[in-house]
Amino acid sequence: MKDNPKLEDWSAEGRQNLWSAPELQRISIVGRVYGHPDQETFPDGDRICTSYVKNVDGRIITTHSGSTYELGEIAPEYEQWITNQGYTYNYENPIKVHGIRKNEKSN
């Protein structure tokens, strides 16, 4: 099985229409990519923004374009922002694309 490219120092970026319901928000991931199969276009350490996240399985995300990535370490500034917003960061399941509950406890 081929390893997925890894995104390090990542953060989630919301892309939404101001008139859309929160559960319809589209989220992309911005981070430094490592191990991308197209090293000429996306060399290790290159900062990228994915297409919007379509599926999440723990720390593995699949984007609208069909790319699959593993989430590495979160950007410290983004983790602090999450905390400041009253959310709890869950290392095993860091991204939720259909509704987020404040102060959700990780198991």
C-alpha atoms as a PDB file:
ATOM      1  CA  MET A   1       0.000   0.000   0.000  1.00  0.00           C
ATOM      2  CA  LYS A   2       1.295   3.424  -0.959  1.00  0.00           C
ATOM      3  CA  ASP A   3       1.722   6.010   1.817  1.00  0.00           C
ATOM      4  CA  ASN A   4      -0.357   9.164   1.627  1.00  0.00           C
ATOM      5  CA  PRO A   5       1.412  12.510   1.380  1.00  0.00           C
ATOM      6  CA  LYS A   6       1.620  14.130   4.807  1.00  0.00           C
ATOM      7  CA  LEU A   7       0.575  17.678   5.702  1.00  0.00           C
ATOM      8  CA  GLU A   8       2.593  19.249   8.508  1.00  0.00           C
ATOM      9  CA  ASP A   9       2.133  22.599  10.253  1.00  0.00           C
ATOM     10  CA  TRP A  10      -1.449  22.529   8.981  1.00  0.00           C
ATOM     11  CA  SER A  11      -4.574  24.539   9.654  1.00  0.00           C
ATOM     12  CA  ALA A  12      -8.148  24.367   8.405  1.00  0.00           C
ATOM     13  CA  GLU A  13      -9.509  27.197   6.298  1.00  0.00           C
ATOM     14  CA  GLY A  14     -13.244  27.692   5.956  1.00  0.00           C
ATOM     15  CA  ARG A  15     -14.711  28.588   2.611  1.00  0.00           C
ATOM     16  CA  GLN A  16     -18.325  29.495   2.915  1.00  0.00           C
ATOM     17  CA  ASN A  17     -20.976  31.724   1.628  1.00  0.00           C
ATOM     18  CA  LEU A  18     -22.070  34.037   4.461  1.00  0.00           C
ATOM     19  CA  TRP A  19     -25.667  33.052   3.811  1.00  0.00           C
ATOM     20  CA  SER A  20     -25.022  29.287   4.014  1.00  0.00           C
ATOM     21  CA  ALA A  21     -25.818  27.136   7.023  1.00  0.00           C
ATOM     22  CA  PRO A  22     -22.722  26.181   9.095  1.00  0.00           C
ATOM     23  CA  GLU A  23     -23.091  22.502   8.186  1.00  0.00           C
ATOM     24  CA  LEU A  24     -22.653  23.450   4.528  1.00  0.00           C
ATOM     25  CA  GLN A  25     -19.300  25.115   5.158  1.00  0.00           C
ATOM     26  CA  ARG A  26     -16.458  23.842   3.008  1.00  0.00           C
ATOM     27  CA  ILE A  27     -13.108  23.326   4.682  1.00  0.00           C
ATOM     28  CA  SER A  28      -9.692  23.163   3.000  1.00  0.00           C
ATOM     29  CA  ILE A  29      -6.400  22.334   4.671  1.00  0.00           C
ATOM     30  CA  VAL A  30      -3.350  24.574   4.361  1.00  0.00           C
ATOM     31  CA  GLY A  31       0.019  23.117   5.302  1.00  0.00           C
ATOM     32  CA  ARG A  32       3.466  21.942   4.266  1.00  0.00           C
ATOM     33  CA  VAL A  33       3.319  18.792   2.140  1.00  0.00           C
ATOM     34  CA  TYR A  34       5.815  15.916   2.365  1.00  0.00           C
ATOM     35  CA  GLY A  35       5.934  12.791   0.214  1.00  0.00           C
ATOM     36  CA  HIS A  36       3.681  14.053  -2.572  1.00  0.00           C
ATOM     37  CA  PRO A  37       3.912  11.767  -5.613  1.00  0.00           C
ATOM     38  CA  ASP A  38       4.444  14.794  -7.890  1.00  0.00           C
ATOM     39  CA  GLN A  39       7.691  16.040  -6.321  1.00  0.00           C
ATOM     40  CA  GLU A  40       8.412  18.295  -9.284  1.00  0.00           C
ATOM     41  CA  THR A  41       5.238  20.318  -8.695  1.00  0.00           C
ATOM     42  CA  PHE A  42       4.957  19.806  -4.906  1.00  0.00           C
ATOM     43  CA  PRO A  43       8.459  19.333  -3.434  1.00  0.00           C
ATOM     44  CA  ASP A  44       8.800  18.413   0.240  1.00  0.00           C
ATOM     45  CA  GLY A  45       8.078  21.401   2.481  1.00  0.00           C
ATOM     46  CA  ASP A  46       6.044  23.254  -0.150  1.00  0.00           C
ATOM     47  CA  ARG A  47       3.046  25.101   1.325  1.00  0.00           C
ATOM     48  CA  ILE A  48      -0.220  24.026  -0.297  1.00  0.00           C
ATOM     49  CA  CYS A  49      -3.955  24.545   0.065  1.00  0.00           C
ATOM     50  CA  THR A  50      -6.067  21.469  -0.663  1.00  0.00           C
ATOM     51  CA  SER A  51      -9.387  21.471  -2.432  1.00  0.00           C
ATOM     52  CA  TYR A  52     -12.214  21.216   0.072  1.00  0.00           C
ATOM     53  CA  VAL A  53     -12.318  18.215   2.386  1.00  0.00           C
ATOM     54  CA  LYS A  54     -14.907  15.686   1.308  1.00  0.00           C
ATOM     55  CA  ASN A  55     -14.207  12.799   3.691  1.00  0.00           C
ATOM     56  CA  VAL A  56     -12.371  12.299   6.974  1.00  0.00           C
ATOM     57  CA  ASP A  57     -11.204   9.030   8.522  1.00  0.00           C
ATOM     58  CA  GLY A  58      -9.294   9.869  11.699  1.00  0.00           C
ATOM     59  CA  ARG A  59      -6.166  11.693  10.524  1.00  0.00           C
ATOM     60  CA  ILE A  60      -6.676  10.797   6.843  1.00  0.00           C
ATOM     61  CA  ILE A  61      -8.539  13.295   4.678  1.00  0.00           C
ATOM     62  CA  THR A  62      -9.824  12.939   1.145  1.00  0.00           C
ATOM     63  CA  THR A  63     -10.413  16.097  -0.841  1.00  0.00           C
ATOM     64  CA  HIS A  64     -12.978  16.999  -3.476  1.00  0.00           C
ATOM     65  CA  SER A  65     -10.312  16.492  -6.163  1.00  0.00           C
ATOM     66  CA  GLY A  66      -9.723  12.916  -4.911  1.00  0.00           C
ATOM     67  CA  SER A  67      -6.357  13.530  -3.243  1.00  0.00           C
ATOM     68  CA  THR A  68      -5.727  11.787   0.081  1.00  0.00           C
ATOM     69  CA  TYR A  69      -3.470  13.189   2.801  1.00  0.00           C
ATOM     70  CA  GLU A  70      -2.381  12.231   6.284  1.00  0.00           C
ATOM     71  CA  LEU A  71      -2.467  15.043   8.839  1.00  0.00           C
ATOM     72  CA  GLY A  72       0.798  15.459  10.724  1.00  0.00           C
ATOM     73  CA  GLU A  73       1.385  18.095  13.396  1.00  0.00           C
ATOM     74  CA  ILE A  74      -1.092  20.943  13.630  1.00  0.00           C
ATOM     75  CA  ALA A  75       0.204  24.538  13.313  1.00  0.00           C
ATOM     76  CA  PRO A  76       0.736  25.815  16.882  1.00  0.00           C
ATOM     77  CA  GLU A  77      -1.039  29.101  16.094  1.00  0.00           C
ATOM     78  CA  TYR A  78      -4.064  27.223  14.768  1.00  0.00           C
ATOM     79  CA  GLU A  79      -4.185  24.952  17.808  1.00  0.00           C
ATOM     80  CA  GLN A  80      -4.117  28.055  20.028  1.00  0.00           C
ATOM     81  CA  TRP A  81      -6.912  29.630  17.980  1.00  0.00           C
ATOM     82  CA  ILE A  82      -9.019  26.458  18.435  1.00  0.00           C
ATOM     83  CA  THR A  83      -8.517  26.659  22.200  1.00  0.00           C
ATOM     84  CA  ASN A  84      -9.325  30.373  22.248  1.00  0.00           C
ATOM     85  CA  GLN A  85     -12.606  29.650  20.430  1.00  0.00           C
ATOM     86  CA  GLY A  86     -13.638  27.248  23.208  1.00  0.00           C
ATOM     87  CA  TYR A  87     -13.106  24.049  21.230  1.00  0.00           C
ATOM     88  CA  THR A  88     -11.133  20.991  22.312  1.00  0.00           C
ATOM     89  CA  TYR A  89      -8.559  19.692  19.829  1.00  0.00           C
ATOM     90  CA  ASN A  90      -8.864  15.942  19.282  1.00  0.00           C
ATOM     91  CA  TYR A  91      -5.580  14.484  18.006  1.00  0.00           C
ATOM     92  CA  GLU A  92      -7.118  11.235  16.699  1.00  0.00           C
ATOM     93  CA  ASN A  93     -10.002  13.015  14.917  1.00  0.00           C
ATOM     94  CA  PRO A  94      -8.834  16.584  14.304  1.00  0.00           C
ATOM     95  CA  ILE A  95     -11.197  17.542  11.456  1.00  0.00           C
ATOM     96  CA  LYS A  96     -14.967  17.482  11.417  1.00  0.00           C
ATOM     97  CA  VAL A  97     -16.718  18.580   8.262  1.00  0.00           C
ATOM     98  CA  HIS A  98     -20.382  18.329   9.303  1.00  0.00           C
ATOM     99  CA  GLY A  99     -20.944  20.407  12.407  1.00  0.00           C
ATOM    100  CA  ILE A 100     -18.606  20.971  15.329  1.00  0.00           C
ATOM    101  CA  ARG A 101     -19.783  21.075  18.916  1.00  0.00           C
ATOM    102  CA  LYS A 102     -18.100  23.444  21.341  1.00  0.00           C
ATOM    103  CA  ASN A 103     -16.181  21.862  24.211  1.00  0.00           C
ATOM    104  CA  GLU A 104     -16.491  18.351  22.792  1.00  0.00           C
ATOM    105  CA  LYS A 105     -14.390  16.055  24.950  1.00  0.00           C
ATOM    106  CA  SER A 106     -11.906  13.752  23.249  1.00  0.00           C
ATOM    107  CA  ASN A 107     -11.848  10.140  24.438  1.00  0.00           C
END
